Amino acid sequence: MAQIYFSSNRAALGEKVLRSLIENPTVFVSKEQATVALARALAATKPAEARKLLESLKGERQAVSQIALTLLAELPQ
């Protein structure tokens, strides 16, 4: 649902959905998945916040950590 909001110029609603999932993960969407999705969505408009979200994942499981590092490298300086 959040991706639909972001693609239809309703970023605030998309961000709200993803932040809710970060706070209350489900069996379908983990906290890590929601964090990565939010960081990707914010990368263009709020790169500092996206960086902060991804930094929090660097110490997670290897696959999650690797995704976070890859996305951190793609963020604008």
N, C-alpha and C. Protein backbone atom coordinates (compact mmCIF):
# COMPACT_ATOMS: atom_id res chain seq x y z
N MET A 1 0.82 -1.19 0.00
CA MET A 1 0.00 0.00 0.00
C MET A 1 0.87 1.26 0.00
N ALA A 2 1.95 1.23 0.77
CA ALA A 2 2.83 2.39 0.84
C ALA A 2 3.42 2.73 -0.52
N GLN A 3 3.79 1.72 -1.28
CA GLN A 3 4.36 1.96 -2.61
C GLN A 3 3.35 2.64 -3.52
N ILE A 4 2.10 2.27 -3.40
CA ILE A 4 1.05 2.91 -4.19
C ILE A 4 0.93 4.38 -3.80
N TYR A 5 0.97 4.65 -2.51
CA TYR A 5 0.90 6.04 -2.06
C TYR A 5 2.07 6.85 -2.61
N PHE A 6 3.29 6.29 -2.53
CA PHE A 6 4.45 7.03 -3.02
C PHE A 6 4.36 7.27 -4.52
N SER A 7 3.88 6.30 -5.27
CA SER A 7 3.82 6.46 -6.72
C SER A 7 2.68 7.37 -7.17
N SER A 8 1.72 7.63 -6.29
CA SER A 8 0.60 8.51 -6.65
C SER A 8 0.68 9.86 -5.93
N ASN A 9 1.91 10.30 -5.65
CA ASN A 9 2.16 11.61 -5.04
C ASN A 9 1.48 11.82 -3.70
N ARG A 10 1.37 10.75 -2.94
CA ARG A 10 0.85 10.84 -1.57
C ARG A 10 1.91 10.29 -0.61
N ALA A 11 3.09 10.89 -0.70
CA ALA A 11 4.25 10.41 0.05
C ALA A 11 4.01 10.41 1.56
N ALA A 12 3.30 11.39 2.06
CA ALA A 12 3.05 11.46 3.51
C ALA A 12 2.29 10.23 3.99
N LEU A 13 1.32 9.78 3.22
CA LEU A 13 0.57 8.58 3.60
C LEU A 13 1.46 7.33 3.51
N GLY A 14 2.28 7.26 2.47
CA GLY A 14 3.19 6.13 2.32
C GLY A 14 4.18 6.06 3.46
N GLU A 15 4.71 7.21 3.84
CA GLU A 15 5.65 7.27 4.96
C GLU A 15 4.97 6.85 6.26
N LYS A 16 3.75 7.28 6.44
CA LYS A 16 2.99 6.93 7.65
C LYS A 16 2.79 5.41 7.75
N VAL A 17 2.43 4.79 6.63
CA VAL A 17 2.23 3.33 6.61
C VAL A 17 3.53 2.60 6.96
N LEU A 18 4.63 3.02 6.34
CA LEU A 18 5.90 2.34 6.59
C LEU A 18 6.40 2.56 8.02
N ARG A 19 6.23 3.75 8.54
CA ARG A 19 6.64 3.99 9.94
C ARG A 19 5.80 3.15 10.90
N SER A 20 4.54 2.98 10.58
CA SER A 20 3.68 2.14 11.39
C SER A 20 4.17 0.68 11.36
N LEU A 21 4.58 0.23 10.18
CA LEU A 21 5.10 -1.14 10.07
C LEU A 21 6.44 -1.31 10.78
N ILE A 22 7.24 -0.26 10.80
CA ILE A 22 8.51 -0.33 11.54
C ILE A 22 8.23 -0.49 13.02
N GLU A 23 7.26 0.26 13.51
CA GLU A 23 6.90 0.19 14.93
C GLU A 23 6.15 -1.09 15.28
N ASN A 24 5.35 -1.59 14.34
CA ASN A 24 4.52 -2.77 14.58
C ASN A 24 4.65 -3.75 13.41
N PRO A 25 5.79 -4.45 13.30
CA PRO A 25 5.97 -5.38 12.18
C PRO A 25 4.92 -6.49 12.22
N THR A 26 4.69 -7.08 11.05
CA THR A 26 3.72 -8.17 10.95
C THR A 26 4.43 -9.42 10.45
N VAL A 27 3.70 -10.51 10.35
CA VAL A 27 4.30 -11.74 9.82
C VAL A 27 4.57 -11.60 8.33
N PHE A 28 3.93 -10.63 7.69
CA PHE A 28 4.11 -10.43 6.26
C PHE A 28 5.18 -9.40 5.93
N VAL A 29 5.35 -8.41 6.79
CA VAL A 29 6.34 -7.35 6.58
C VAL A 29 7.15 -7.18 7.86
N SER A 30 8.45 -7.47 7.76
CA SER A 30 9.31 -7.34 8.93
C SER A 30 9.72 -5.88 9.14
N LYS A 31 10.25 -5.61 10.30
CA LYS A 31 10.74 -4.27 10.61
C LYS A 31 11.83 -3.87 9.62
N GLU A 32 12.71 -4.82 9.30
CA GLU A 32 13.80 -4.55 8.37
C GLU A 32 13.28 -4.23 6.97
N GLN A 33 12.29 -4.99 6.50
CA GLN A 33 11.72 -4.73 5.18
C GLN A 33 11.10 -3.35 5.12
N ALA A 34 10.36 -2.99 6.13
CA ALA A 34 9.72 -1.68 6.17
C ALA A 34 10.77 -0.56 6.22
N THR A 35 11.84 -0.79 6.97
CA THR A 35 12.90 0.21 7.08
C THR A 35 13.59 0.42 5.74
N VAL A 36 13.90 -0.67 5.05
CA VAL A 36 14.55 -0.56 3.73
C VAL A 36 13.61 0.13 2.75
N ALA A 37 12.35 -0.23 2.76
CA ALA A 37 11.38 0.40 1.85
C ALA A 37 11.27 1.90 2.12
N LEU A 38 11.23 2.28 3.38
CA LEU A 38 11.14 3.69 3.72
C LEU A 38 12.41 4.43 3.31
N ALA A 39 13.56 3.84 3.55
CA ALA A 39 14.82 4.47 3.16
C ALA A 39 14.87 4.67 1.65
N ARG A 40 14.45 3.69 0.89
CA ARG A 40 14.42 3.83 -0.58
C ARG A 40 13.49 4.95 -1.00
N ALA A 41 12.34 5.04 -0.36
CA ALA A 41 11.36 6.06 -0.71
C ALA A 41 11.85 7.46 -0.36
N LEU A 42 12.62 7.58 0.71
CA LEU A 42 13.09 8.88 1.16
C LEU A 42 14.43 9.30 0.55
N ALA A 43 15.09 8.40 -0.13
CA ALA A 43 16.45 8.64 -0.63
C ALA A 43 16.56 9.92 -1.46
N ALA A 44 15.61 10.17 -2.32
CA ALA A 44 15.70 11.33 -3.20
C ALA A 44 15.37 12.64 -2.49
N THR A 45 14.41 12.62 -1.60
CA THR A 45 13.95 13.86 -0.97
C THR A 45 14.56 14.13 0.39
N LYS A 46 14.88 13.07 1.14
CA LYS A 46 15.44 13.21 2.48
C LYS A 46 16.61 12.24 2.66
N PRO A 47 17.72 12.46 1.94
CA PRO A 47 18.82 11.50 1.99
C PRO A 47 19.43 11.33 3.39
N ALA A 48 19.44 12.38 4.19
CA ALA A 48 20.00 12.26 5.55
C ALA A 48 19.17 11.31 6.40
N GLU A 49 17.86 11.42 6.27
CA GLU A 49 16.99 10.52 7.04
C GLU A 49 17.09 9.08 6.53
N ALA A 50 17.19 8.94 5.21
CA ALA A 50 17.36 7.60 4.63
C ALA A 50 18.67 6.98 5.12
N ARG A 51 19.72 7.78 5.18
CA ARG A 51 21.01 7.29 5.67
C ARG A 51 20.90 6.83 7.12
N LYS A 52 20.19 7.59 7.94
CA LYS A 52 20.01 7.25 9.35
C LYS A 52 19.27 5.91 9.49
N LEU A 53 18.23 5.72 8.69
CA LEU A 53 17.48 4.46 8.72
C LEU A 53 18.37 3.28 8.32
N LEU A 54 19.15 3.46 7.28
CA LEU A 54 20.01 2.38 6.79
C LEU A 54 21.16 2.08 7.76
N GLU A 55 21.67 3.12 8.39
CA GLU A 55 22.75 2.93 9.38
C GLU A 55 22.28 2.02 10.51
N SER A 56 21.00 2.12 10.86
CA SER A 56 20.48 1.30 11.95
C SER A 56 20.42 -0.18 11.59
N LEU A 57 20.51 -0.49 10.31
CA LEU A 57 20.43 -1.89 9.86
C LEU A 57 21.80 -2.53 9.65
N LYS A 58 22.86 -1.77 9.78
CA LYS A 58 24.19 -2.32 9.50
C LYS A 58 24.58 -3.46 10.41
N GLY A 59 24.04 -3.52 11.60
CA GLY A 59 24.39 -4.57 12.55
C GLY A 59 23.44 -5.76 12.53
N GLU A 60 22.49 -5.75 11.62
CA GLU A 60 21.51 -6.83 11.54
C GLU A 60 22.09 -8.06 10.83
N ARG A 61 21.21 -9.02 10.56
CA ARG A 61 21.63 -10.24 9.86
C ARG A 61 22.41 -9.88 8.60
N GLN A 62 23.23 -10.80 8.13
CA GLN A 62 24.14 -10.52 7.03
C GLN A 62 23.41 -10.02 5.78
N ALA A 63 22.32 -10.66 5.40
CA ALA A 63 21.60 -10.25 4.19
C ALA A 63 21.04 -8.84 4.34
N VAL A 64 20.48 -8.54 5.48
CA VAL A 64 19.92 -7.21 5.73
C VAL A 64 21.04 -6.18 5.75
N SER A 65 22.12 -6.51 6.42
CA SER A 65 23.26 -5.60 6.51
C SER A 65 23.83 -5.31 5.12
N GLN A 66 23.91 -6.31 4.29
CA GLN A 66 24.46 -6.12 2.94
C GLN A 66 23.56 -5.22 2.10
N ILE A 67 22.25 -5.40 2.21
CA ILE A 67 21.31 -4.53 1.50
C ILE A 67 21.48 -3.09 1.98
N ALA A 68 21.58 -2.91 3.28
CA ALA A 68 21.74 -1.57 3.84
C ALA A 68 23.03 -0.92 3.33
N LEU A 69 24.12 -1.66 3.31
CA LEU A 69 25.39 -1.11 2.83
C LEU A 69 25.31 -0.74 1.36
N THR A 70 24.66 -1.58 0.57
CA THR A 70 24.51 -1.30 -0.86
C THR A 70 23.71 -0.02 -1.08
N LEU A 71 22.61 0.11 -0.36
CA LEU A 71 21.78 1.31 -0.50
C LEU A 71 22.49 2.57 0.03
N LEU A 72 23.27 2.41 1.09
CA LEU A 72 24.04 3.55 1.60
C LEU A 72 25.02 4.06 0.55
N ALA A 73 25.63 3.15 -0.19
CA ALA A 73 26.57 3.54 -1.24
C ALA A 73 25.88 4.26 -2.39
N GLU A 74 24.60 4.01 -2.59
CA GLU A 74 23.86 4.63 -3.68
C GLU A 74 23.27 5.99 -3.32
N LEU A 75 23.25 6.33 -2.03
CA LEU A 75 22.68 7.61 -1.61
C LEU A 75 23.55 8.77 -2.06
N PRO A 76 22.93 9.89 -2.43
CA PRO A 76 23.70 11.08 -2.79
C PRO A 76 24.43 11.62 -1.56
N GLN A 77 25.58 12.18 -1.79
CA GLN A 77 26.38 12.74 -0.70
C GLN A 77 25.84 14.02 -0.27
